[in-house]
N, C-alpha and C. Protein backbone atom coordinates (compact mmCIF):
# COMPACT_ATOMS: atom_id res chain seq x y z
N MET A 1 21.65 -5.66 -20.59
CA MET A 1 20.47 -4.98 -20.11
C MET A 1 20.53 -3.54 -20.61
N SER A 2 19.43 -3.09 -21.16
CA SER A 2 19.42 -1.75 -21.74
C SER A 2 19.39 -0.68 -20.65
N VAL A 3 19.67 0.51 -21.05
CA VAL A 3 19.69 1.64 -20.13
C VAL A 3 18.29 1.89 -19.57
N LEU A 4 17.27 1.77 -20.43
CA LEU A 4 15.90 1.99 -19.99
C LEU A 4 15.49 0.95 -18.94
N THR A 5 15.86 -0.29 -19.15
CA THR A 5 15.53 -1.34 -18.19
C THR A 5 16.20 -1.07 -16.85
N LYS A 6 17.46 -0.70 -16.88
CA LYS A 6 18.16 -0.38 -15.64
C LYS A 6 17.51 0.81 -14.93
N PHE A 7 17.13 1.81 -15.71
CA PHE A 7 16.48 2.99 -15.13
C PHE A 7 15.15 2.62 -14.49
N LEU A 8 14.33 1.83 -15.20
CA LEU A 8 13.02 1.44 -14.65
C LEU A 8 13.17 0.61 -13.39
N LYS A 9 14.13 -0.31 -13.38
CA LYS A 9 14.35 -1.10 -12.17
C LYS A 9 14.79 -0.22 -11.01
N ALA A 10 15.65 0.74 -11.28
CA ALA A 10 16.10 1.64 -10.22
C ALA A 10 14.95 2.49 -9.69
N VAL A 11 14.08 2.97 -10.57
CA VAL A 11 12.94 3.78 -10.14
C VAL A 11 12.00 2.95 -9.27
N VAL A 12 11.72 1.73 -9.69
CA VAL A 12 10.81 0.88 -8.91
C VAL A 12 11.42 0.54 -7.56
N ILE A 13 12.70 0.19 -7.55
CA ILE A 13 13.34 -0.21 -6.31
C ILE A 13 13.52 0.97 -5.36
N GLN A 14 13.95 2.10 -5.86
CA GLN A 14 14.30 3.23 -5.00
C GLN A 14 13.12 4.14 -4.67
N ILE A 15 12.11 4.21 -5.52
CA ILE A 15 11.01 5.17 -5.29
C ILE A 15 9.68 4.48 -5.09
N VAL A 16 9.28 3.63 -6.02
CA VAL A 16 7.93 3.07 -6.00
C VAL A 16 7.73 2.11 -4.83
N ASN A 17 8.64 1.16 -4.65
CA ASN A 17 8.48 0.19 -3.56
C ASN A 17 8.42 0.86 -2.18
N PRO A 18 9.35 1.76 -1.84
CA PRO A 18 9.23 2.41 -0.53
C PRO A 18 7.95 3.23 -0.38
N LEU A 19 7.50 3.85 -1.47
CA LEU A 19 6.27 4.62 -1.42
C LEU A 19 5.07 3.71 -1.17
N ILE A 20 5.05 2.56 -1.82
CA ILE A 20 3.96 1.60 -1.59
C ILE A 20 3.98 1.11 -0.15
N TYR A 21 5.16 0.81 0.37
CA TYR A 21 5.26 0.36 1.76
C TYR A 21 4.78 1.43 2.73
N LEU A 22 5.14 2.66 2.47
CA LEU A 22 4.73 3.77 3.34
C LEU A 22 3.22 3.96 3.31
N LEU A 23 2.63 3.94 2.12
CA LEU A 23 1.19 4.09 2.00
C LEU A 23 0.44 2.92 2.63
N ALA A 24 0.97 1.71 2.48
CA ALA A 24 0.34 0.54 3.09
C ALA A 24 0.39 0.65 4.61
N ALA A 25 1.51 1.12 5.14
CA ALA A 25 1.61 1.29 6.58
C ALA A 25 0.63 2.35 7.07
N GLY A 26 0.48 3.42 6.33
CA GLY A 26 -0.48 4.47 6.70
C GLY A 26 -1.91 3.96 6.69
N ALA A 27 -2.27 3.19 5.66
CA ALA A 27 -3.62 2.63 5.59
C ALA A 27 -3.86 1.64 6.72
N PHE A 28 -2.84 0.88 7.07
CA PHE A 28 -2.98 -0.06 8.18
C PHE A 28 -3.17 0.68 9.51
N VAL A 29 -2.44 1.77 9.69
CA VAL A 29 -2.60 2.57 10.91
C VAL A 29 -4.01 3.15 10.99
N VAL A 30 -4.55 3.62 9.87
CA VAL A 30 -5.92 4.14 9.84
C VAL A 30 -6.90 3.03 10.22
N PHE A 31 -6.69 1.83 9.68
CA PHE A 31 -7.56 0.70 10.01
C PHE A 31 -7.50 0.38 11.50
N ILE A 32 -6.30 0.27 12.04
CA ILE A 32 -6.13 -0.05 13.47
C ILE A 32 -6.73 1.05 14.34
N TRP A 33 -6.54 2.30 13.95
CA TRP A 33 -7.12 3.42 14.70
C TRP A 33 -8.65 3.32 14.70
N GLY A 34 -9.23 2.97 13.57
CA GLY A 34 -10.67 2.80 13.48
C GLY A 34 -11.17 1.70 14.40
N VAL A 35 -10.45 0.59 14.44
CA VAL A 35 -10.81 -0.51 15.34
C VAL A 35 -10.73 -0.04 16.78
N PHE A 36 -9.68 0.68 17.12
CA PHE A 36 -9.51 1.19 18.48
C PHE A 36 -10.66 2.12 18.86
N VAL A 37 -10.99 3.07 17.99
CA VAL A 37 -12.07 4.02 18.27
C VAL A 37 -13.40 3.27 18.39
N PHE A 38 -13.63 2.31 17.52
CA PHE A 38 -14.88 1.55 17.52
C PHE A 38 -15.04 0.78 18.84
N ILE A 39 -13.98 0.14 19.30
CA ILE A 39 -14.06 -0.65 20.52
C ILE A 39 -14.13 0.22 21.77
N MET A 40 -13.32 1.28 21.82
CA MET A 40 -13.26 2.11 23.02
C MET A 40 -14.53 2.93 23.23
N ASN A 41 -15.28 3.20 22.18
CA ASN A 41 -16.48 4.01 22.29
C ASN A 41 -17.72 3.19 21.93
N ALA A 42 -17.83 2.02 22.52
CA ALA A 42 -18.92 1.11 22.19
C ALA A 42 -20.29 1.69 22.57
N GLY A 43 -20.34 2.57 23.54
CA GLY A 43 -21.61 3.14 23.97
C GLY A 43 -22.04 4.38 23.20
N ASP A 44 -21.13 5.02 22.51
CA ASP A 44 -21.43 6.27 21.80
C ASP A 44 -21.57 5.99 20.30
N GLU A 45 -22.79 6.12 19.80
CA GLU A 45 -23.07 5.77 18.40
C GLU A 45 -22.30 6.64 17.40
N THR A 46 -22.12 7.94 17.70
CA THR A 46 -21.41 8.80 16.76
C THR A 46 -19.93 8.42 16.67
N LYS A 47 -19.33 8.09 17.80
CA LYS A 47 -17.92 7.67 17.78
C LYS A 47 -17.77 6.31 17.10
N ARG A 48 -18.73 5.43 17.30
CA ARG A 48 -18.69 4.13 16.62
C ARG A 48 -18.78 4.33 15.11
N LYS A 49 -19.59 5.29 14.68
CA LYS A 49 -19.71 5.57 13.25
C LYS A 49 -18.37 6.08 12.71
N GLU A 50 -17.69 6.94 13.47
CA GLU A 50 -16.37 7.42 13.06
C GLU A 50 -15.38 6.26 12.96
N GLY A 51 -15.45 5.35 13.92
CA GLY A 51 -14.58 4.18 13.88
C GLY A 51 -14.85 3.31 12.68
N ARG A 52 -16.13 3.09 12.37
CA ARG A 52 -16.50 2.29 11.20
C ARG A 52 -15.99 2.93 9.92
N GLN A 53 -16.10 4.26 9.84
CA GLN A 53 -15.60 4.95 8.64
C GLN A 53 -14.09 4.81 8.51
N ALA A 54 -13.37 4.91 9.62
CA ALA A 54 -11.91 4.75 9.56
C ALA A 54 -11.55 3.32 9.16
N ILE A 55 -12.26 2.34 9.68
CA ILE A 55 -12.02 0.95 9.30
C ILE A 55 -12.27 0.78 7.80
N PHE A 56 -13.39 1.32 7.33
CA PHE A 56 -13.75 1.21 5.92
C PHE A 56 -12.69 1.82 5.02
N TRP A 57 -12.27 3.05 5.34
CA TRP A 57 -11.28 3.72 4.49
C TRP A 57 -9.90 3.08 4.60
N GLY A 58 -9.58 2.51 5.76
CA GLY A 58 -8.32 1.78 5.88
C GLY A 58 -8.30 0.55 4.98
N ILE A 59 -9.42 -0.19 4.96
CA ILE A 59 -9.52 -1.36 4.09
C ILE A 59 -9.48 -0.94 2.62
N ILE A 60 -10.22 0.10 2.26
CA ILE A 60 -10.20 0.59 0.88
C ILE A 60 -8.78 0.99 0.47
N GLY A 61 -8.08 1.68 1.35
CA GLY A 61 -6.70 2.08 1.06
C GLY A 61 -5.80 0.88 0.84
N LEU A 62 -5.92 -0.14 1.69
CA LEU A 62 -5.10 -1.34 1.52
C LEU A 62 -5.42 -2.06 0.21
N VAL A 63 -6.69 -2.14 -0.14
CA VAL A 63 -7.07 -2.79 -1.41
C VAL A 63 -6.48 -2.03 -2.59
N ILE A 64 -6.56 -0.71 -2.56
CA ILE A 64 -6.02 0.10 -3.66
C ILE A 64 -4.50 -0.05 -3.74
N ILE A 65 -3.83 -0.01 -2.61
CA ILE A 65 -2.37 -0.10 -2.59
C ILE A 65 -1.90 -1.45 -3.10
N PHE A 66 -2.50 -2.53 -2.60
CA PHE A 66 -2.08 -3.86 -3.04
C PHE A 66 -2.49 -4.10 -4.49
N GLY A 67 -3.59 -3.50 -4.93
CA GLY A 67 -3.97 -3.57 -6.34
C GLY A 67 -2.95 -2.88 -7.22
N ALA A 68 -2.48 -1.72 -6.78
CA ALA A 68 -1.45 -1.00 -7.54
C ALA A 68 -0.16 -1.82 -7.59
N TYR A 69 0.17 -2.46 -6.49
CA TYR A 69 1.37 -3.30 -6.45
C TYR A 69 1.24 -4.45 -7.45
N GLY A 70 0.06 -5.05 -7.51
CA GLY A 70 -0.19 -6.13 -8.46
C GLY A 70 -0.12 -5.65 -9.89
N ILE A 71 -0.69 -4.48 -10.16
CA ILE A 71 -0.64 -3.92 -11.51
C ILE A 71 0.80 -3.62 -11.92
N ILE A 72 1.58 -3.07 -11.01
CA ILE A 72 2.99 -2.78 -11.31
C ILE A 72 3.73 -4.07 -11.65
N ASN A 73 3.50 -5.12 -10.87
CA ASN A 73 4.18 -6.39 -11.15
C ASN A 73 3.69 -7.00 -12.46
N ALA A 74 2.41 -6.83 -12.79
CA ALA A 74 1.89 -7.34 -14.07
C ALA A 74 2.53 -6.59 -15.24
N VAL A 75 2.68 -5.29 -15.12
CA VAL A 75 3.31 -4.50 -16.18
C VAL A 75 4.78 -4.88 -16.31
N LEU A 76 5.46 -5.05 -15.20
CA LEU A 76 6.87 -5.44 -15.26
C LEU A 76 7.02 -6.81 -15.90
N GLY A 77 6.09 -7.73 -15.61
CA GLY A 77 6.13 -9.04 -16.23
C GLY A 77 5.82 -8.98 -17.71
N THR A 78 4.93 -8.08 -18.10
CA THR A 78 4.57 -7.93 -19.51
C THR A 78 5.76 -7.47 -20.34
N PHE A 79 6.56 -6.59 -19.80
CA PHE A 79 7.71 -6.06 -20.51
C PHE A 79 8.98 -6.86 -20.23
N ASN A 80 8.82 -8.06 -19.68
CA ASN A 80 9.94 -8.97 -19.40
C ASN A 80 11.02 -8.35 -18.55
N LEU A 81 10.63 -7.56 -17.58
CA LEU A 81 11.61 -6.98 -16.67
C LEU A 81 11.88 -7.91 -15.50
N GLY A 82 11.07 -8.95 -15.35
CA GLY A 82 11.28 -9.92 -14.29
C GLY A 82 10.96 -9.35 -12.93
N PRO A 83 11.10 -10.19 -11.92
CA PRO A 83 10.83 -9.69 -10.56
C PRO A 83 11.88 -8.68 -10.15
N ILE A 84 11.44 -7.66 -9.47
CA ILE A 84 12.34 -6.60 -9.02
C ILE A 84 12.91 -6.99 -7.66
N THR A 85 14.20 -7.03 -7.57
CA THR A 85 14.88 -7.32 -6.31
C THR A 85 15.77 -6.14 -5.96
N PRO A 86 16.01 -5.93 -4.68
CA PRO A 86 16.87 -4.81 -4.30
C PRO A 86 18.28 -4.93 -4.91
N ILE A 87 18.88 -3.79 -5.15
CA ILE A 87 20.21 -3.74 -5.73
C ILE A 87 21.23 -4.19 -4.70
N SER A 88 22.08 -5.12 -5.05
CA SER A 88 23.14 -5.57 -4.15
C SER A 88 24.28 -4.59 -4.20
N ARG A 89 24.79 -4.25 -3.05
CA ARG A 89 25.91 -3.29 -3.01
C ARG A 89 27.13 -3.95 -2.47
């Protein structure tokens, strides 16, 4: 395995994957918060609008994050780097 391949695998495993997980968790929290605001303020139209916007942006964030994850895996497959698995210690 070349030095570049080892470096790319290490970068994806140590930096990119945790960053994607963190961003996905943040987008999910925004989505859940939007659902909570939407349900708890069913009588107030302005608060419901805020909840709808949070739900919308949470879904958009999740789509972008999972799309980026798919693109990363497609690029890794294109360059024959194979599936990335955590480093065994």
